[in-house]
N, C-alpha and C. Protein backbone atom coordinates (compact mmCIF):
# COMPACT_ATOMS: atom_id res chain seq x y z
N MET A 1 -70.64 50.14 -49.16
CA MET A 1 -71.02 51.20 -48.26
C MET A 1 -70.98 52.55 -48.96
N GLY A 2 -70.31 52.63 -50.08
CA GLY A 2 -70.28 53.87 -50.82
C GLY A 2 -69.27 54.88 -50.32
N LEU A 3 -68.34 54.47 -49.48
CA LEU A 3 -67.34 55.40 -48.96
C LEU A 3 -65.96 55.17 -49.57
N SER A 4 -65.85 54.27 -50.53
CA SER A 4 -64.54 53.92 -51.08
C SER A 4 -63.90 55.09 -51.83
N TRP A 5 -64.70 55.99 -52.39
CA TRP A 5 -64.14 57.13 -53.11
C TRP A 5 -63.37 58.07 -52.19
N MET A 6 -63.64 57.99 -50.87
CA MET A 6 -62.93 58.84 -49.92
C MET A 6 -61.82 58.09 -49.20
N ALA A 7 -61.65 56.82 -49.52
CA ALA A 7 -60.66 55.97 -48.88
C ALA A 7 -60.90 55.88 -47.37
N TRP A 8 -62.17 55.90 -46.97
CA TRP A 8 -62.53 55.77 -45.56
C TRP A 8 -62.63 54.30 -45.21
N THR A 9 -62.27 54.00 -43.99
CA THR A 9 -62.52 52.67 -43.46
C THR A 9 -63.81 52.73 -42.66
N TRP A 10 -64.31 51.58 -42.25
CA TRP A 10 -65.53 51.58 -41.44
C TRP A 10 -65.28 52.26 -40.10
N GLN A 11 -64.03 52.18 -39.61
CA GLN A 11 -63.71 52.82 -38.34
C GLN A 11 -63.81 54.35 -38.44
N THR A 12 -63.33 54.88 -39.55
CA THR A 12 -63.40 56.33 -39.76
C THR A 12 -64.85 56.78 -39.89
N ALA A 13 -65.63 56.03 -40.65
CA ALA A 13 -67.05 56.36 -40.81
C ALA A 13 -67.78 56.28 -39.47
N THR A 14 -67.46 55.28 -38.68
CA THR A 14 -68.07 55.14 -37.35
C THR A 14 -67.71 56.32 -36.46
N PHE A 15 -66.44 56.72 -36.50
CA PHE A 15 -65.98 57.86 -35.69
C PHE A 15 -66.80 59.11 -36.01
N PHE A 16 -66.90 59.45 -37.28
CA PHE A 16 -67.63 60.66 -37.65
C PHE A 16 -69.13 60.50 -37.42
N GLY A 17 -69.64 59.28 -37.56
CA GLY A 17 -71.04 59.02 -37.25
C GLY A 17 -71.35 59.24 -35.78
N VAL A 18 -70.44 58.80 -34.92
CA VAL A 18 -70.63 59.01 -33.47
C VAL A 18 -70.58 60.50 -33.13
N ILE A 19 -69.66 61.23 -33.74
CA ILE A 19 -69.59 62.68 -33.51
C ILE A 19 -70.91 63.34 -33.94
N ALA A 20 -71.43 62.96 -35.10
CA ALA A 20 -72.70 63.51 -35.58
C ALA A 20 -73.84 63.16 -34.63
N LEU A 21 -73.88 61.91 -34.15
CA LEU A 21 -74.92 61.52 -33.20
C LEU A 21 -74.82 62.28 -31.89
N LEU A 22 -73.60 62.54 -31.43
CA LEU A 22 -73.42 63.34 -30.21
C LEU A 22 -73.96 64.76 -30.39
N LEU A 23 -73.67 65.35 -31.53
CA LEU A 23 -74.15 66.71 -31.78
C LEU A 23 -75.67 66.75 -31.90
N ILE A 24 -76.23 65.76 -32.57
CA ILE A 24 -77.69 65.70 -32.68
C ILE A 24 -78.32 65.47 -31.31
N SER A 25 -77.73 64.58 -30.52
CA SER A 25 -78.25 64.31 -29.18
C SER A 25 -78.21 65.55 -28.30
N MET A 26 -77.11 66.29 -28.39
CA MET A 26 -77.01 67.52 -27.59
C MET A 26 -78.05 68.55 -28.04
N SER A 27 -78.32 68.61 -29.33
CA SER A 27 -79.33 69.54 -29.84
C SER A 27 -80.72 69.16 -29.35
N VAL A 28 -81.03 67.86 -29.41
CA VAL A 28 -82.33 67.40 -28.92
C VAL A 28 -82.46 67.65 -27.42
N TRP A 29 -81.39 67.39 -26.67
CA TRP A 29 -81.39 67.64 -25.22
C TRP A 29 -81.68 69.11 -24.94
N GLU A 30 -81.04 69.99 -25.70
CA GLU A 30 -81.24 71.43 -25.50
C GLU A 30 -82.68 71.83 -25.86
N LEU A 31 -83.24 71.23 -26.89
CA LEU A 31 -84.62 71.56 -27.26
C LEU A 31 -85.62 71.06 -26.22
N ARG A 32 -85.35 69.89 -25.66
CA ARG A 32 -86.26 69.32 -24.66
C ARG A 32 -86.12 69.98 -23.30
N ARG A 33 -84.92 70.29 -22.91
CA ARG A 33 -84.66 70.94 -21.61
C ARG A 33 -83.77 72.15 -21.85
N PRO A 34 -84.36 73.25 -22.31
CA PRO A 34 -83.55 74.43 -22.64
C PRO A 34 -82.90 75.03 -21.40
N GLY A 35 -81.92 75.79 -21.68
CA GLY A 35 -81.24 76.48 -20.58
C GLY A 35 -79.82 76.02 -20.47
N GLY A 36 -79.62 74.89 -19.86
CA GLY A 36 -78.26 74.40 -19.68
C GLY A 36 -77.38 75.44 -19.01
N ASP A 37 -77.89 76.01 -17.92
CA ASP A 37 -77.15 77.06 -17.23
C ASP A 37 -75.73 76.62 -16.93
N PRO A 38 -74.79 77.55 -17.03
CA PRO A 38 -73.40 77.20 -16.73
C PRO A 38 -73.25 76.69 -15.30
N ARG A 39 -72.38 75.68 -15.17
CA ARG A 39 -72.05 75.14 -13.86
C ARG A 39 -70.60 75.45 -13.55
N HIS A 40 -70.33 75.69 -12.28
CA HIS A 40 -68.97 75.94 -11.82
C HIS A 40 -68.39 74.60 -11.38
N GLY A 41 -67.41 74.10 -12.13
CA GLY A 41 -66.90 72.76 -11.88
C GLY A 41 -65.62 72.73 -11.08
N VAL A 42 -65.07 71.55 -10.97
CA VAL A 42 -63.88 71.31 -10.17
C VAL A 42 -62.65 72.03 -10.73
N LEU A 43 -62.63 72.30 -12.01
CA LEU A 43 -61.50 73.01 -12.60
C LEU A 43 -61.61 74.53 -12.43
N GLY A 44 -62.69 74.98 -11.84
CA GLY A 44 -62.88 76.41 -11.65
C GLY A 44 -63.44 77.11 -12.88
N LEU A 45 -63.94 76.34 -13.82
CA LEU A 45 -64.51 76.90 -15.04
C LEU A 45 -66.03 76.89 -14.96
N ASP A 46 -66.66 77.90 -15.54
CA ASP A 46 -68.10 77.87 -15.74
C ASP A 46 -68.35 77.28 -17.11
N THR A 47 -68.99 76.10 -17.15
CA THR A 47 -69.18 75.41 -18.42
C THR A 47 -70.65 75.09 -18.65
N THR A 48 -71.04 75.11 -19.92
CA THR A 48 -72.37 74.68 -20.33
C THR A 48 -72.26 73.25 -20.87
N ARG A 49 -73.39 72.68 -21.27
CA ARG A 49 -73.37 71.32 -21.83
C ARG A 49 -72.46 71.23 -23.04
N GLY A 50 -72.56 72.21 -23.91
CA GLY A 50 -71.74 72.21 -25.12
C GLY A 50 -70.26 72.32 -24.80
N ASP A 51 -69.93 73.14 -23.81
CA ASP A 51 -68.53 73.26 -23.39
C ASP A 51 -68.01 71.93 -22.87
N ARG A 52 -68.82 71.25 -22.08
CA ARG A 52 -68.40 69.96 -21.51
C ARG A 52 -68.25 68.91 -22.62
N LEU A 53 -69.11 68.94 -23.63
CA LEU A 53 -68.96 68.03 -24.77
C LEU A 53 -67.65 68.31 -25.49
N PHE A 54 -67.35 69.57 -25.75
CA PHE A 54 -66.11 69.93 -26.43
C PHE A 54 -64.89 69.51 -25.62
N ILE A 55 -64.91 69.77 -24.31
CA ILE A 55 -63.79 69.38 -23.45
C ILE A 55 -63.60 67.86 -23.46
N SER A 56 -64.70 67.12 -23.42
CA SER A 56 -64.59 65.66 -23.40
C SER A 56 -64.08 65.13 -24.75
N LEU A 57 -64.53 65.71 -25.86
CA LEU A 57 -64.04 65.27 -27.17
C LEU A 57 -62.56 65.61 -27.36
N LEU A 58 -62.17 66.80 -26.94
CA LEU A 58 -60.77 67.19 -27.07
C LEU A 58 -59.88 66.32 -26.18
N GLY A 59 -60.32 66.09 -24.95
CA GLY A 59 -59.55 65.23 -24.05
C GLY A 59 -59.46 63.80 -24.57
N SER A 60 -60.54 63.31 -25.16
CA SER A 60 -60.54 61.95 -25.71
C SER A 60 -59.54 61.84 -26.86
N ALA A 61 -59.45 62.88 -27.67
CA ALA A 61 -58.46 62.86 -28.76
C ALA A 61 -57.04 62.77 -28.19
N TYR A 62 -56.75 63.54 -27.16
CA TYR A 62 -55.43 63.48 -26.54
C TYR A 62 -55.17 62.14 -25.86
N ILE A 63 -56.18 61.56 -25.24
CA ILE A 63 -56.03 60.24 -24.63
C ILE A 63 -55.67 59.21 -25.70
N HIS A 64 -56.36 59.24 -26.83
CA HIS A 64 -56.07 58.29 -27.90
C HIS A 64 -54.68 58.51 -28.49
N LEU A 65 -54.30 59.77 -28.69
CA LEU A 65 -52.96 60.03 -29.23
C LEU A 65 -51.88 59.58 -28.26
N ALA A 66 -52.07 59.85 -26.98
CA ALA A 66 -51.09 59.41 -25.98
C ALA A 66 -51.03 57.89 -25.93
N TRP A 67 -52.18 57.24 -26.04
CA TRP A 67 -52.21 55.77 -26.03
C TRP A 67 -51.41 55.21 -27.22
N LEU A 68 -51.62 55.80 -28.39
CA LEU A 68 -50.90 55.33 -29.57
C LEU A 68 -49.40 55.56 -29.45
N ALA A 69 -49.01 56.67 -28.82
CA ALA A 69 -47.59 56.99 -28.70
C ALA A 69 -46.90 56.18 -27.60
N LEU A 70 -47.62 55.86 -26.53
CA LEU A 70 -46.96 55.29 -25.36
C LEU A 70 -47.27 53.83 -25.10
N SER A 71 -48.17 53.22 -25.87
CA SER A 71 -48.59 51.86 -25.57
C SER A 71 -48.71 51.04 -26.84
N ASP A 72 -48.50 49.74 -26.67
CA ASP A 72 -48.73 48.81 -27.77
C ASP A 72 -50.02 48.04 -27.58
N GLY A 73 -50.80 48.42 -26.56
CA GLY A 73 -52.05 47.73 -26.26
C GLY A 73 -53.14 48.05 -27.26
N PRO A 74 -54.25 47.32 -27.16
CA PRO A 74 -55.36 47.56 -28.09
C PRO A 74 -56.00 48.94 -27.86
N LEU A 75 -56.46 49.53 -28.94
CA LEU A 75 -56.99 50.88 -28.90
C LEU A 75 -58.32 50.97 -28.15
N TRP A 76 -59.03 49.86 -28.03
CA TRP A 76 -60.32 49.90 -27.32
C TRP A 76 -60.12 50.28 -25.85
N VAL A 77 -58.94 50.01 -25.30
CA VAL A 77 -58.66 50.40 -23.91
C VAL A 77 -58.68 51.94 -23.80
N ALA A 78 -58.08 52.61 -24.76
CA ALA A 78 -58.10 54.08 -24.78
C ALA A 78 -59.53 54.59 -24.94
N THR A 79 -60.35 53.88 -25.70
CA THR A 79 -61.74 54.27 -25.87
C THR A 79 -62.50 54.16 -24.55
N VAL A 80 -62.26 53.10 -23.82
CA VAL A 80 -62.90 52.93 -22.50
C VAL A 80 -62.46 54.05 -21.56
N ILE A 81 -61.16 54.36 -21.55
CA ILE A 81 -60.66 55.45 -20.72
C ILE A 81 -61.31 56.77 -21.13
N SER A 82 -61.47 56.98 -22.43
CA SER A 82 -62.09 58.21 -22.93
C SER A 82 -63.55 58.33 -22.52
N VAL A 83 -64.28 57.23 -22.54
CA VAL A 83 -65.68 57.26 -22.11
C VAL A 83 -65.76 57.58 -20.62
N LEU A 84 -64.89 56.98 -19.82
CA LEU A 84 -64.86 57.29 -18.39
C LEU A 84 -64.49 58.75 -18.15
N TYR A 85 -63.55 59.25 -18.94
CA TYR A 85 -63.16 60.66 -18.85
C TYR A 85 -64.35 61.57 -19.19
N ALA A 86 -65.08 61.24 -20.26
CA ALA A 86 -66.23 62.05 -20.66
C ALA A 86 -67.31 62.05 -19.58
N LEU A 87 -67.55 60.89 -18.98
CA LEU A 87 -68.52 60.82 -17.89
C LEU A 87 -68.09 61.70 -16.72
N ALA A 88 -66.80 61.69 -16.41
CA ALA A 88 -66.29 62.53 -15.32
C ALA A 88 -66.42 64.01 -15.68
N VAL A 89 -66.16 64.35 -16.92
CA VAL A 89 -66.29 65.76 -17.35
C VAL A 89 -67.73 66.22 -17.20
N PHE A 90 -68.67 65.41 -17.65
CA PHE A 90 -70.07 65.82 -17.56
C PHE A 90 -70.56 65.83 -16.12
N ARG A 91 -69.94 65.07 -15.26
CA ARG A 91 -70.38 65.02 -13.86
C ARG A 91 -69.75 66.14 -13.02
N TRP A 92 -68.43 66.37 -13.18
CA TRP A 92 -67.74 67.24 -12.24
C TRP A 92 -67.15 68.51 -12.83
N VAL A 93 -67.04 68.64 -14.14
CA VAL A 93 -66.38 69.84 -14.70
C VAL A 93 -67.42 70.91 -14.98
């Protein structure tokens, strides 16, 4: 794969690849439907699409860290929780 010089695993490469795809997708979304006017969400914040992406990524990081600290279960469960959290952020925040 050519990533051995960085001591990356496939999981690390996948993580950063997904982040890159999210950023590209958000850019394409903005180009196709410009504006993204701020919405007033349940938390009382006015957020744009980019803000909601940042909030969902930051929250997902905390969900994964909490899962690692408090559980011995498989990490994919934290990933599922994070995806549900991100969907909720984009819907209601």
